[in-house]
Amino acid sequence: MTLDQLRMLVAVAETGSILAAAEKLYRTQPTVTVGLRKLEEELGVMLLDRQHYRAKLTTEGELLCHRARNILHRTGELEDLARHLRSGHEAELTLAIEASCPMPLVLELLKETEQKFPHTQITLTADTLWGAIEKVKLNEADLAISPWFQDDEALESIPLTTTTLTTVAAPDFPPFRDSRPLQLDDLRESVQVVIRDSSTNPPATKYGLVDGGRRWLVNDHETKKKIILAGMGWGRLQNHLITEELATGRLIPLSITGYQGIMQVDIRVVRRSAQLPGPVTADLWQRCAKLSLGSHSI
């Protein structure tokens, strides 16, 4: 059984005659006739009812023709993939995303990539704090989308947007019971909810941690948010994660003397400085650069 024979069977079903099928396939009529007879002999099944003027598939022929269409469709997909790979396009693109980054922005970028390069498999990883950037540095990801805290000569980055982190707590947070302004000492006995860094070698610099204070470590921003909503702790959260809670008063911004309650953070797309990207990665990078020209805040 060959793909050519399957194409002949499908062509006869679609055109209604061996002659028309031969013309559609740019073959001679005897070539198609012989090809179908050999297919019948190999399968041991009659595919064509030859008692009619127009070629008609038998019941068995109809069933096999349905399967033949599926096989030819899959073969076409395989041939498309082979052409895609021969052209130098990546078989896979890995994008590491810091879990607090706004996903609508990420999906906006990836939607066009999927449409333009459907044969490149996209792998997304969710990381926290420095984890996404570390994956790029270790060559475990092609690109990262992550908050950007400090420059690194090993990396190249493009600003995508700016987000705001606000220090918040629930209205029944214990330190609120005293009407005086909050001091850092008021918070040392309260739980500061902190995201655990998914990187293996985080920098020594810590942002916003209260020295000597109590803290709980969690693996994701949603868990952090739930603990703070329950009145069990306090911490910084990105505004786009708590828009509704701030509007309804379920979370209250904290004003703490000597502590940066509101913090602006760049969200950037990051790659290795020495990286020679493939066509798919380069296209995504270029579209990020264009988006950066009209960057906005969240």
C-alpha atoms as a PDB file:
ATOM      1  CA  MET A   1       0.000   0.000   0.000  1.00  0.00           C
ATOM      2  CA  THR A   2       1.337   3.405  -0.979  1.00  0.00           C
ATOM      3  CA  LEU A   3       0.255   6.981  -0.445  1.00  0.00           C
ATOM      4  CA  ASP A   4      -0.199   7.264  -4.204  1.00  0.00           C
ATOM      5  CA  GLN A   5      -2.720   4.419  -4.143  1.00  0.00           C
ATOM      6  CA  LEU A   6      -4.622   6.084  -1.298  1.00  0.00           C
ATOM      7  CA  ARG A   7      -4.682   9.355  -3.255  1.00  0.00           C
ATOM      8  CA  MET A   8      -6.082   7.460  -6.242  1.00  0.00           C
ATOM      9  CA  LEU A   9      -8.858   5.955  -4.103  1.00  0.00           C
ATOM     10  CA  VAL A  10      -9.828   9.338  -2.673  1.00  0.00           C
ATOM     11  CA  ALA A  11      -9.671  11.001  -6.094  1.00  0.00           C
ATOM     12  CA  VAL A  12     -12.038   8.417  -7.587  1.00  0.00           C
ATOM     13  CA  ALA A  13     -14.465   8.955  -4.696  1.00  0.00           C
ATOM     14  CA  GLU A  14     -14.355  12.733  -5.224  1.00  0.00           C
ATOM     15  CA  THR A  15     -14.546  12.809  -9.028  1.00  0.00           C
ATOM     16  CA  GLY A  16     -16.763   9.813  -9.735  1.00  0.00           C
ATOM     17  CA  SER A  17     -14.578   8.248 -12.441  1.00  0.00           C
ATOM     18  CA  ILE A  18     -11.162   6.778 -12.954  1.00  0.00           C
ATOM     19  CA  LEU A  19     -10.521   9.083 -15.919  1.00  0.00           C
ATOM     20  CA  ALA A  20     -11.376  12.219 -13.918  1.00  0.00           C
ATOM     21  CA  ALA A  21      -9.277  10.954 -11.011  1.00  0.00           C
ATOM     22  CA  ALA A  22      -6.328  10.414 -13.353  1.00  0.00           C
ATOM     23  CA  GLU A  23      -6.681  13.957 -14.708  1.00  0.00           C
ATOM     24  CA  LYS A  24      -6.872  15.398 -11.203  1.00  0.00           C
ATOM     25  CA  LEU A  25      -3.704  13.525 -10.180  1.00  0.00           C
ATOM     26  CA  TYR A  26      -1.906  14.216 -13.491  1.00  0.00           C
ATOM     27  CA  ARG A  27      -1.639  10.465 -14.139  1.00  0.00           C
ATOM     28  CA  THR A  28      -2.751   8.275 -17.009  1.00  0.00           C
ATOM     29  CA  GLN A  29      -5.979   6.326 -16.733  1.00  0.00           C
ATOM     30  CA  PRO A  30      -4.181   2.916 -16.972  1.00  0.00           C
ATOM     31  CA  THR A  31      -1.835   3.970 -14.129  1.00  0.00           C
ATOM     32  CA  VAL A  32      -4.773   4.702 -11.819  1.00  0.00           C
ATOM     33  CA  THR A  33      -6.605   1.509 -12.884  1.00  0.00           C
ATOM     34  CA  VAL A  34      -3.556  -0.670 -12.193  1.00  0.00           C
ATOM     35  CA  GLY A  35      -2.820   1.118  -8.919  1.00  0.00           C
ATOM     36  CA  LEU A  36      -6.321   0.512  -7.571  1.00  0.00           C
ATOM     37  CA  ARG A  37      -6.349  -3.138  -8.658  1.00  0.00           C
ATOM     38  CA  LYS A  38      -3.029  -3.736  -6.882  1.00  0.00           C
ATOM     39  CA  LEU A  39      -4.456  -2.056  -3.764  1.00  0.00           C
ATOM     40  CA  GLU A  40      -7.484  -4.351  -3.894  1.00  0.00           C
ATOM     41  CA  GLU A  41      -5.261  -7.399  -4.295  1.00  0.00           C
ATOM     42  CA  GLU A  42      -3.060  -6.361  -1.374  1.00  0.00           C
ATOM     43  CA  LEU A  43      -5.992  -5.661   0.928  1.00  0.00           C
ATOM     44  CA  GLY A  44      -8.109  -8.586  -0.287  1.00  0.00           C
ATOM     45  CA  VAL A  45     -11.124  -6.270  -0.544  1.00  0.00           C
ATOM     46  CA  MET A  46     -13.087  -4.973  -3.523  1.00  0.00           C
ATOM     47  CA  LEU A  47     -12.910  -1.171  -3.411  1.00  0.00           C
ATOM     48  CA  LEU A  48     -14.783  -0.265  -6.602  1.00  0.00           C
ATOM     49  CA  ASP A  49     -18.124  -1.492  -7.916  1.00  0.00           C
ATOM     50  CA  ARG A  50     -17.339  -1.645 -11.632  1.00  0.00           C
ATOM     51  CA  GLN A  51     -20.834  -2.656 -12.764  1.00  0.00           C
ATOM     52  CA  HIS A  52     -21.892   0.974 -13.034  1.00  0.00           C
ATOM     53  CA  TYR A  53     -21.030   3.564 -15.686  1.00  0.00           C
ATOM     54  CA  ARG A  54     -19.534   5.864 -13.047  1.00  0.00           C
ATOM     55  CA  ALA A  55     -16.979   4.447 -10.682  1.00  0.00           C
ATOM     56  CA  LYS A  56     -18.657   3.799  -7.353  1.00  0.00           C
ATOM     57  CA  LEU A  57     -16.999   2.734  -4.125  1.00  0.00           C
ATOM     58  CA  THR A  58     -18.222  -0.409  -2.420  1.00  0.00           C
ATOM     59  CA  THR A  59     -19.243  -0.243   1.242  1.00  0.00           C
ATOM     60  CA  GLU A  60     -15.794  -1.518   2.142  1.00  0.00           C
ATOM     61  CA  GLY A  61     -14.275   1.019  -0.229  1.00  0.00           C
ATOM     62  CA  GLU A  62     -16.149   3.873   1.477  1.00  0.00           C
ATOM     63  CA  LEU A  63     -14.843   2.844   4.898  1.00  0.00           C
ATOM     64  CA  LEU A  64     -11.293   2.538   3.640  1.00  0.00           C
ATOM     65  CA  CYS A  65     -11.573   5.829   1.751  1.00  0.00           C
ATOM     66  CA  HIS A  66     -12.564   7.593   4.990  1.00  0.00           C
ATOM     67  CA  ARG A  67      -9.436   6.228   6.690  1.00  0.00           C
ATOM     68  CA  ALA A  68      -7.346   7.083   3.637  1.00  0.00           C
ATOM     69  CA  ARG A  69      -8.433  10.722   3.882  1.00  0.00           C
ATOM     70  CA  ASN A  70      -7.304  10.820   7.520  1.00  0.00           C
ATOM     71  CA  ILE A  71      -3.946   9.278   6.634  1.00  0.00           C
ATOM     72  CA  LEU A  72      -3.374  11.731   3.785  1.00  0.00           C
ATOM     73  CA  HIS A  73      -4.321  14.658   6.024  1.00  0.00           C
ATOM     74  CA  ARG A  74      -1.821  13.546   8.672  1.00  0.00           C
ATOM     75  CA  THR A  75       0.782  12.999   5.969  1.00  0.00           C
ATOM     76  CA  GLY A  76       0.223  16.571   4.789  1.00  0.00           C
ATOM     77  CA  GLU A  77       0.725  17.845   8.316  1.00  0.00           C
ATOM     78  CA  LEU A  78       3.964  15.865   8.558  1.00  0.00           C
ATOM     79  CA  GLU A  79       5.203  17.279   5.262  1.00  0.00           C
ATOM     80  CA  ASP A  80       4.333  20.817   6.435  1.00  0.00           C
ATOM     81  CA  LEU A  81       6.267  20.230   9.648  1.00  0.00           C
ATOM     82  CA  ALA A  82       9.274  18.940   7.705  1.00  0.00           C
ATOM     83  CA  ARG A  83       9.244  22.061   5.510  1.00  0.00           C
ATOM     84  CA  HIS A  84       8.977  24.201   8.648  1.00  0.00           C
ATOM     85  CA  LEU A  85      12.034  22.537  10.171  1.00  0.00           C
ATOM     86  CA  ARG A  86      14.025  22.617   6.932  1.00  0.00           C
ATOM     87  CA  SER A  87      13.522  26.366   6.802  1.00  0.00           C
ATOM     88  CA  GLY A  88      15.368  26.701  10.135  1.00  0.00           C
ATOM     89  CA  HIS A  89      12.324  27.403  12.292  1.00  0.00           C
ATOM     90  CA  GLU A  90      12.562  26.115  15.851  1.00  0.00           C
ATOM     91  CA  ALA A  91      10.728  22.924  16.724  1.00  0.00           C
ATOM     92  CA  GLU A  92      10.081  24.351  20.200  1.00  0.00           C
ATOM     93  CA  LEU A  93      10.132  27.761  21.874  1.00  0.00           C
ATOM     94  CA  THR A  94      10.330  27.858  25.675  1.00  0.00           C
ATOM     95  CA  LEU A  95       9.069  30.976  27.429  1.00  0.00           C
ATOM     96  CA  ALA A  96       9.647  31.348  31.179  1.00  0.00           C
ATOM     97  CA  ILE A  97       7.091  33.627  32.824  1.00  0.00           C
ATOM     98  CA  GLU A  98       7.283  35.078  36.318  1.00  0.00           C
ATOM     99  CA  ALA A  99       3.912  34.129  37.762  1.00  0.00           C
ATOM    100  CA  SER A 100       2.841  37.651  38.723  1.00  0.00           C
ATOM    101  CA  CYS A 101       3.164  39.007  35.171  1.00  0.00           C
ATOM    102  CA  PRO A 102      -0.102  40.034  33.475  1.00  0.00           C
ATOM    103  CA  MET A 103      -1.155  37.055  31.350  1.00  0.00           C
ATOM    104  CA  PRO A 104      -3.372  39.033  28.910  1.00  0.00           C
ATOM    105  CA  LEU A 105      -0.233  40.795  27.721  1.00  0.00           C
ATOM    106  CA  VAL A 106       1.649  37.496  27.368  1.00  0.00           C
ATOM    107  CA  LEU A 107      -1.223  35.847  25.498  1.00  0.00           C
ATOM    108  CA  GLU A 108      -1.533  38.823  23.168  1.00  0.00           C
ATOM    109  CA  LEU A 109       2.064  38.222  22.119  1.00  0.00           C
ATOM    110  CA  LEU A 110       1.755  34.444  21.829  1.00  0.00           C
ATOM    111  CA  LYS A 111      -1.485  34.473  19.854  1.00  0.00           C
ATOM    112  CA  GLU A 112       0.242  35.909  16.796  1.00  0.00           C
ATOM    113  CA  THR A 113       3.196  33.539  17.241  1.00  0.00           C
ATOM    114  CA  GLU A 114       0.805  30.589  17.210  1.00  0.00           C
ATOM    115  CA  GLN A 115      -0.906  31.895  14.082  1.00  0.00           C
ATOM    116  CA  LYS A 116       2.327  32.592  12.196  1.00  0.00           C
ATOM    117  CA  PHE A 117       4.254  29.506  13.315  1.00  0.00           C
ATOM    118  CA  PRO A 118       1.756  26.725  14.122  1.00  0.00           C
ATOM    119  CA  HIS A 119       4.397  24.013  13.808  1.00  0.00           C
ATOM    120  CA  THR A 120       6.589  25.417  16.579  1.00  0.00           C
ATOM    121  CA  GLN A 121       5.618  23.949  19.923  1.00  0.00           C
ATOM    122  CA  ILE A 122       5.359  26.614  22.617  1.00  0.00           C
ATOM    123  CA  THR A 123       6.284  25.610  26.167  1.00  0.00           C
ATOM    124  CA  LEU A 124       5.414  27.965  29.026  1.00  0.00           C
ATOM    125  CA  THR A 125       6.916  27.655  32.481  1.00  0.00           C
ATOM    126  CA  ALA A 126       5.641  29.521  35.547  1.00  0.00           C
ATOM    127  CA  ASP A 127       8.381  30.737  37.875  1.00  0.00           C
ATOM    128  CA  THR A 128       8.607  33.132  40.793  1.00  0.00           C
ATOM    129  CA  LEU A 129      10.849  36.139  41.428  1.00  0.00           C
ATOM    130  CA  TRP A 130      14.244  35.452  39.798  1.00  0.00           C
ATOM    131  CA  GLY A 131      13.325  31.975  38.531  1.00  0.00           C
ATOM    132  CA  ALA A 132      12.280  32.965  35.004  1.00  0.00           C
ATOM    133  CA  ILE A 133      15.412  35.039  34.408  1.00  0.00           C
ATOM    134  CA  GLU A 134      17.600  32.244  35.763  1.00  0.00           C
ATOM    135  CA  LYS A 135      16.134  29.805  33.223  1.00  0.00           C
ATOM    136  CA  VAL A 136      17.227  32.108  30.409  1.00  0.00           C
ATOM    137  CA  LYS A 137      20.729  32.423  31.870  1.00  0.00           C
ATOM    138  CA  LEU A 138      20.982  28.622  32.174  1.00  0.00           C
ATOM    139  CA  ASN A 139      19.748  28.183  28.580  1.00  0.00           C
ATOM    140  CA  GLU A 140      16.643  26.389  29.840  1.00  0.00           C
ATOM    141  CA  ALA A 141      14.368  28.975  28.200  1.00  0.00           C
ATOM    142  CA  ASP A 142      14.642  31.036  25.032  1.00  0.00           C
ATOM    143  CA  LEU A 143      12.960  34.082  26.531  1.00  0.00           C
ATOM    144  CA  ALA A 144      11.645  35.222  29.888  1.00  0.00           C
ATOM    145  CA  ILE A 145       8.930  37.693  30.798  1.00  0.00           C
ATOM    146  CA  SER A 146       9.667  38.890  34.288  1.00  0.00           C
ATOM    147  CA  PRO A 147       9.863  41.823  36.671  1.00  0.00           C
ATOM    148  CA  TRP A 148      13.215  43.522  36.173  1.00  0.00           C
ATOM    149  CA  PHE A 149      15.071  44.600  39.291  1.00  0.00           C
ATOM    150  CA  GLN A 150      18.664  45.175  38.190  1.00  0.00           C
ATOM    151  CA  ASP A 151      20.780  45.141  35.032  1.00  0.00           C
ATOM    152  CA  ASP A 152      22.839  42.102  34.136  1.00  0.00           C
ATOM    153  CA  GLU A 153      25.509  42.225  31.406  1.00  0.00           C
ATOM    154  CA  ALA A 154      24.760  38.612  30.497  1.00  0.00           C
ATOM    155  CA  LEU A 155      21.203  39.581  29.548  1.00  0.00           C
ATOM    156  CA  GLU A 156      19.428  41.814  27.064  1.00  0.00           C
ATOM    157  CA  SER A 157      15.956  43.103  27.858  1.00  0.00           C
ATOM    158  CA  ILE A 158      13.050  45.083  26.391  1.00  0.00           C
ATOM    159  CA  PRO A 159      10.544  46.902  28.633  1.00  0.00           C
ATOM    160  CA  LEU A 160       6.980  45.699  28.011  1.00  0.00           C
ATOM    161  CA  THR A 161       4.989  47.455  30.697  1.00  0.00           C
ATOM    162  CA  THR A 162       5.202  48.857  34.211  1.00  0.00           C
ATOM    163  CA  THR A 163       3.195  47.420  37.077  1.00  0.00           C
ATOM    164  CA  THR A 164       2.471  48.721  40.549  1.00  0.00           C
ATOM    165  CA  LEU A 165       2.941  46.710  43.719  1.00  0.00           C
ATOM    166  CA  THR A 166       0.926  47.863  46.718  1.00  0.00           C
ATOM    167  CA  THR A 167       1.469  46.804  50.319  1.00  0.00           C
ATOM    168  CA  VAL A 168      -1.898  45.560  51.557  1.00  0.00           C
ATOM    169  CA  ALA A 169      -3.721  43.795  54.354  1.00  0.00           C
ATOM    170  CA  ALA A 170      -7.309  42.842  55.152  1.00  0.00           C
ATOM    171  CA  PRO A 171      -9.467  45.324  57.122  1.00  0.00           C
ATOM    172  CA  ASP A 172      -9.362  43.065  60.210  1.00  0.00           C
ATOM    173  CA  PHE A 173      -5.557  42.884  60.181  1.00  0.00           C
ATOM    174  CA  PRO A 174      -4.590  43.168  63.899  1.00  0.00           C
ATOM    175  CA  PRO A 175      -2.286  46.240  63.672  1.00  0.00           C
ATOM    176  CA  PHE A 176      -5.230  48.238  62.285  1.00  0.00           C
ATOM    177  CA  ARG A 177      -6.905  48.106  65.697  1.00  0.00           C
ATOM    178  CA  ASP A 178      -4.674  50.936  66.828  1.00  0.00           C
ATOM    179  CA  SER A 179      -5.584  54.188  65.071  1.00  0.00           C
ATOM    180  CA  ARG A 180      -2.056  55.608  65.111  1.00  0.00           C
ATOM    181  CA  PRO A 181       0.102  55.468  61.931  1.00  0.00           C
ATOM    182  CA  LEU A 182       1.792  52.126  61.345  1.00  0.00           C
ATOM    183  CA  GLN A 183       5.453  51.760  62.185  1.00  0.00           C
ATOM    184  CA  LEU A 184       7.748  48.915  61.110  1.00  0.00           C
ATOM    185  CA  ASP A 185       7.932  47.800  64.753  1.00  0.00           C
ATOM    186  CA  ASP A 186       4.147  47.319  64.674  1.00  0.00           C
ATOM    187  CA  LEU A 187       4.577  44.736  61.935  1.00  0.00           C
ATOM    188  CA  ARG A 188       7.471  42.688  63.270  1.00  0.00           C
ATOM    189  CA  GLU A 189       5.120  40.393  65.190  1.00  0.00           C
ATOM    190  CA  SER A 190       2.715  40.125  62.261  1.00  0.00           C
ATOM    191  CA  VAL A 191       3.253  37.650  59.435  1.00  0.00           C
ATOM    192  CA  GLN A 192       4.754  39.097  56.278  1.00  0.00           C
ATOM    193  CA  VAL A 193       3.684  36.791  53.433  1.00  0.00           C
ATOM    194  CA  VAL A 194       6.584  36.302  51.034  1.00  0.00           C
ATOM    195  CA  ILE A 195       6.888  34.495  47.698  1.00  0.00           C
ATOM    196  CA  ARG A 196       9.525  31.779  47.674  1.00  0.00           C
ATOM    197  CA  ASP A 197      12.088  32.369  44.921  1.00  0.00           C
ATOM    198  CA  SER A 198      12.067  29.500  42.404  1.00  0.00           C
ATOM    199  CA  SER A 199      15.646  30.230  41.304  1.00  0.00           C
ATOM    200  CA  THR A 200      18.452  28.061  42.646  1.00  0.00           C
ATOM    201  CA  ASN A 201      20.879  30.916  43.214  1.00  0.00           C
ATOM    202  CA  PRO A 202      18.938  34.060  44.146  1.00  0.00           C
ATOM    203  CA  PRO A 203      20.794  37.365  44.585  1.00  0.00           C
ATOM    204  CA  ALA A 204      21.618  38.540  48.080  1.00  0.00           C
ATOM    205  CA  THR A 205      19.511  41.689  47.661  1.00  0.00           C
ATOM    206  CA  LYS A 206      16.083  41.362  49.255  1.00  0.00           C
ATOM    207  CA  TYR A 207      13.303  43.754  48.343  1.00  0.00           C
ATOM    208  CA  GLY A 208      10.831  44.786  51.027  1.00  0.00           C
ATOM    209  CA  LEU A 209      11.621  42.178  53.685  1.00  0.00           C
ATOM    210  CA  VAL A 210      11.357  43.474  57.245  1.00  0.00           C
ATOM    211  CA  ASP A 211      14.484  42.593  59.204  1.00  0.00           C
ATOM    212  CA  GLY A 212      13.731  40.465  62.231  1.00  0.00           C
ATOM    213  CA  GLY A 213      10.060  40.133  61.331  1.00  0.00           C
ATOM    214  CA  ARG A 214       7.929  37.005  61.138  1.00  0.00           C
ATOM    215  CA  ARG A 215       7.263  35.673  57.660  1.00  0.00           C
ATOM    216  CA  TRP A 216       5.514  32.875  55.835  1.00  0.00           C
ATOM    217  CA  LEU A 217       6.925  31.580  52.554  1.00  0.00           C
ATOM    218  CA  VAL A 218       4.536  30.487  49.782  1.00  0.00           C
ATOM    219  CA  ASN A 219       5.097  29.182  46.274  1.00  0.00           C
ATOM    220  CA  ASP A 220       2.633  31.324  44.332  1.00  0.00           C
ATOM    221  CA  HIS A 221       0.998  34.748  44.307  1.00  0.00           C
ATOM    222  CA  GLU A 222      -2.555  33.411  44.546  1.00  0.00           C
ATOM    223  CA  THR A 223      -1.801  31.641  47.833  1.00  0.00           C
ATOM    224  CA  LYS A 224      -0.155  34.808  49.125  1.00  0.00           C
ATOM    225  CA  LYS A 225      -3.260  36.792  48.218  1.00  0.00           C
ATOM    226  CA  LYS A 226      -5.594  34.333  49.975  1.00  0.00           C
ATOM    227  CA  ILE A 227      -3.568  34.406  53.196  1.00  0.00           C
ATOM    228  CA  ILE A 228      -3.608  38.204  53.221  1.00  0.00           C
ATOM    229  CA  LEU A 229      -7.357  38.271  52.463  1.00  0.00           C
ATOM    230  CA  ALA A 230      -7.913  35.973  55.440  1.00  0.00           C
ATOM    231  CA  GLY A 231      -6.362  38.628  57.705  1.00  0.00           C
ATOM    232  CA  MET A 232      -3.457  36.339  58.559  1.00  0.00           C
ATOM    233  CA  GLY A 233      -0.658  38.529  57.216  1.00  0.00           C
ATOM    234  CA  TRP A 234       0.411  41.412  55.020  1.00  0.00           C
ATOM    235  CA  GLY A 235       2.566  41.945  51.958  1.00  0.00           C
ATOM    236  CA  ARG A 236       2.992  43.483  48.531  1.00  0.00           C
ATOM    237  CA  LEU A 237       0.832  42.346  45.640  1.00  0.00           C
ATOM    238  CA  GLN A 238       0.678  43.546  42.058  1.00  0.00           C
ATOM    239  CA  ASN A 239      -2.318  45.806  41.523  1.00  0.00           C
ATOM    240  CA  HIS A 240      -3.629  43.842  38.525  1.00  0.00           C
ATOM    241  CA  LEU A 241      -4.008  40.825  40.845  1.00  0.00           C
ATOM    242  CA  ILE A 242      -6.082  42.720  43.426  1.00  0.00           C
ATOM    243  CA  THR A 243      -8.076  45.273  41.422  1.00  0.00           C
ATOM    244  CA  GLU A 244     -11.465  44.040  42.657  1.00  0.00           C
ATOM    245  CA  GLU A 245     -10.319  43.602  46.264  1.00  0.00           C
ATOM    246  CA  LEU A 246      -8.977  47.154  46.422  1.00  0.00           C
ATOM    247  CA  ALA A 247     -12.171  48.554  44.866  1.00  0.00           C
ATOM    248  CA  THR A 248     -14.442  46.724  47.331  1.00  0.00           C
ATOM    249  CA  GLY A 249     -12.295  47.350  50.406  1.00  0.00           C
ATOM    250  CA  ARG A 250     -11.495  43.697  51.000  1.00  0.00           C
ATOM    251  CA  LEU A 251      -7.846  44.756  50.922  1.00  0.00           C
ATOM    252  CA  ILE A 252      -6.533  48.020  52.342  1.00  0.00           C
ATOM    253  CA  PRO A 253      -3.277  49.723  51.274  1.00  0.00           C
ATOM    254  CA  LEU A 254      -0.849  50.011  54.178  1.00  0.00           C
ATOM    255  CA  SER A 255       0.961  53.253  54.920  1.00  0.00           C
ATOM    256  CA  ILE A 256       4.024  52.352  56.967  1.00  0.00           C
ATOM    257  CA  THR A 257       6.523  54.899  58.201  1.00  0.00           C
ATOM    258  CA  GLY A 258       9.953  54.182  56.720  1.00  0.00           C
ATOM    259  CA  TYR A 259       8.678  51.498  54.304  1.00  0.00           C
ATOM    260  CA  GLN A 260       7.967  51.826  50.571  1.00  0.00           C
ATOM    261  CA  GLY A 261       4.296  50.931  50.461  1.00  0.00           C
ATOM    262  CA  ILE A 262       3.886  51.413  46.714  1.00  0.00           C
ATOM    263  CA  MET A 263       6.533  50.217  44.268  1.00  0.00           C
ATOM    264  CA  GLN A 264       6.772  50.566  40.489  1.00  0.00           C
ATOM    265  CA  VAL A 265       8.321  47.591  38.702  1.00  0.00           C
ATOM    266  CA  ASP A 266       9.290  47.140  35.042  1.00  0.00           C
ATOM    267  CA  ILE A 267       8.084  44.009  33.288  1.00  0.00           C
ATOM    268  CA  ARG A 268      10.548  43.045  30.580  1.00  0.00           C
ATOM    269  CA  VAL A 269      11.151  40.364  27.999  1.00  0.00           C
ATOM    270  CA  VAL A 270      14.636  38.961  28.497  1.00  0.00           C
ATOM    271  CA  ARG A 271      17.126  36.917  26.495  1.00  0.00           C
ATOM    272  CA  ARG A 272      20.817  36.054  26.681  1.00  0.00           C
ATOM    273  CA  SER A 273      23.064  38.763  25.258  1.00  0.00           C
ATOM    274  CA  ALA A 274      25.060  36.269  23.175  1.00  0.00           C
ATOM    275  CA  GLN A 275      21.995  34.413  21.948  1.00  0.00           C
ATOM    276  CA  LEU A 276      21.550  33.743  18.231  1.00  0.00           C
ATOM    277  CA  PRO A 277      17.771  33.329  18.093  1.00  0.00           C
ATOM    278  CA  GLY A 278      15.928  31.226  15.568  1.00  0.00           C
ATOM    279  CA  PRO A 279      13.304  32.819  13.312  1.00  0.00           C
ATOM    280  CA  VAL A 280      10.372  32.216  15.678  1.00  0.00           C
ATOM    281  CA  THR A 281      12.165  33.593  18.743  1.00  0.00           C
ATOM    282  CA  ALA A 282      13.449  36.548  16.719  1.00  0.00           C
ATOM    283  CA  ASP A 283       9.940  37.345  15.467  1.00  0.00           C
ATOM    284  CA  LEU A 284       8.534  37.312  19.008  1.00  0.00           C
ATOM    285  CA  TRP A 285      11.408  39.506  20.215  1.00  0.00           C
ATOM    286  CA  GLN A 286      10.812  42.019  17.430  1.00  0.00           C
ATOM    287  CA  ARG A 287       7.112  42.225  18.215  1.00  0.00           C
ATOM    288  CA  CYS A 288       7.967  42.818  21.875  1.00  0.00           C
ATOM    289  CA  ALA A 289      10.228  45.661  20.759  1.00  0.00           C
ATOM    290  CA  LYS A 290       7.364  47.217  18.782  1.00  0.00           C
ATOM    291  CA  LEU A 291       5.023  46.808  21.741  1.00  0.00           C
ATOM    292  CA  SER A 292       7.627  48.456  23.946  1.00  0.00           C
ATOM    293  CA  LEU A 293       7.416  51.622  21.878  1.00  0.00           C
ATOM    294  CA  GLY A 294       3.839  52.039  23.041  1.00  0.00           C
ATOM    295  CA  SER A 295       4.335  50.509  26.484  1.00  0.00           C
ATOM    296  CA  HIS A 296       1.763  51.206  29.163  1.00  0.00           C
ATOM    297  CA  SER A 297       1.328  50.758  32.883  1.00  0.00           C
ATOM    298  CA  ILE A 298      -0.848  48.260  34.715  1.00  0.00           C
END
